[in-house]
Amino acid sequence: MVSRVGVSEDFRKQVLGYGLTTAQILYRMPDHPSLLQTYVWQNYDLFPNFPALKNFLSFWQQKLEGPLFAVTVAHSKLIKPAELRAVDGEFRLH
């Protein structure tokens, strides 16, 4: 979604400190509990508490039939402070 000033909601979240969170969710098949299925979830979320992911997993446990087996999470801030590098040298203008 893009606001009237042309800034997307995703960019606004990044500026507010959200990072891209990816979760690999392993769950048991409802009809075949000995089989595991994979689901990949991705959204902008806040490290380290992951409120959006916790909300999704709560929804999963309450509304979906496949019981969770394991959740693996990766998180990265996409907007980071600029990297500065010291340069040893001198420039002279004549």
Foldseek 3Di string as FASTA:
>chain_A
DADPVGDDPQNVLLVVAWWKKKKWWWWADLVGRVDIDIDIDIDTAHPPPGPVVVVVVVCCVVPPRTGTDDMDMDTDRPDDPDDDDDDPDDDDDD
